[in-house]
Protein backbone atom coordinates (compact mmCIF):
# COMPACT_ATOMS: atom_id res chain seq x y z
CA UNK A 1 -20.21 8.91 59.98
CA UNK A 2 -20.34 8.34 63.72
CA UNK A 3 -17.20 7.94 65.74
CA UNK A 4 -16.07 4.34 65.92
CA UNK A 5 -16.62 2.64 69.25
CA UNK A 6 -12.87 2.30 69.74
CA UNK A 7 -12.33 6.03 69.22
CA UNK A 8 -15.23 6.85 71.52
CA UNK A 9 -13.83 4.53 74.20
CA UNK A 10 -10.45 6.28 74.05
CA UNK A 11 -12.12 9.69 74.24
CA UNK A 12 -14.09 8.61 77.31
CA UNK A 13 -10.88 7.33 78.89
CA UNK A 14 -9.16 10.62 78.08
CA UNK A 15 -12.04 12.55 79.62
CA UNK A 16 -11.64 10.59 82.84
CA UNK A 17 -7.93 11.31 82.94
CA UNK A 18 -8.46 14.99 82.22
CA UNK A 19 -11.06 15.22 84.99
CA UNK A 20 -8.52 13.69 87.38
CA UNK A 21 -5.92 16.20 86.22
CA UNK A 22 -8.35 19.06 86.86
CA UNK A 23 -9.03 17.75 90.36
CA UNK A 24 -5.33 17.59 91.11
CA UNK A 25 -4.60 20.92 89.48
CA UNK A 26 -7.30 22.63 91.53
CA UNK A 27 -5.09 22.43 94.61
CA UNK A 28 -1.62 22.40 93.07
CA UNK A 29 -1.54 24.63 90.00
CA UNK A 30 -2.14 28.19 88.91
CA UNK A 31 -5.60 29.10 87.56
CA UNK A 32 -4.27 29.40 84.00
CA UNK A 33 -3.25 25.73 84.05
CA UNK A 34 -6.69 24.69 85.30
CA UNK A 35 -8.30 26.76 82.55
CA UNK A 36 -6.18 25.14 79.85
CA UNK A 37 -6.87 21.62 81.11
CA UNK A 38 -10.58 22.45 81.24
CA UNK A 39 -10.45 23.61 77.64
CA UNK A 40 -9.16 20.18 76.64
CA UNK A 41 -12.18 18.58 78.26
CA UNK A 42 -14.50 21.09 76.61
CA UNK A 43 -12.91 20.47 73.19
CA UNK A 44 -13.40 16.71 73.47
CA UNK A 45 -17.04 17.18 74.40
CA UNK A 46 -17.56 19.69 71.58
CA UNK A 47 -16.04 17.30 69.06
CA UNK A 48 -18.40 14.51 70.10
CA UNK A 49 -21.40 16.83 69.86
CA UNK A 50 -20.27 18.09 66.44
CA UNK A 51 -19.89 14.52 65.23
CA UNK A 52 -23.45 13.76 66.36
CA UNK A 53 -24.72 16.85 64.56
CA UNK A 54 -22.92 15.83 61.37
CA UNK A 55 -24.59 12.41 61.56
CA UNK A 56 -28.01 14.08 61.72
CA UNK A 57 -27.17 16.31 58.74
CA UNK A 58 -25.89 13.36 56.68
CA UNK A 59 -28.99 11.32 57.51
CA UNK A 60 -31.25 14.21 56.48
CA UNK A 61 -29.35 14.67 53.21
CA UNK A 62 -29.58 10.99 52.34
CA UNK A 63 -33.36 11.00 52.93
CA UNK A 64 -34.01 14.12 50.88
């Protein structure tokens, strides 16, 4: 089942905030902090991609 629009909206908002945090951290924080913040962004993106993949699998299973 696809992510609800409300959940997707919150994830997109979170991505924007995390990108802003990365921009700020780039000049103010140690590289480890930037790496960890970047991982948050990567994890959100990976979760959305995984959810899309699961939708394709479920659709294929229901057709077969």
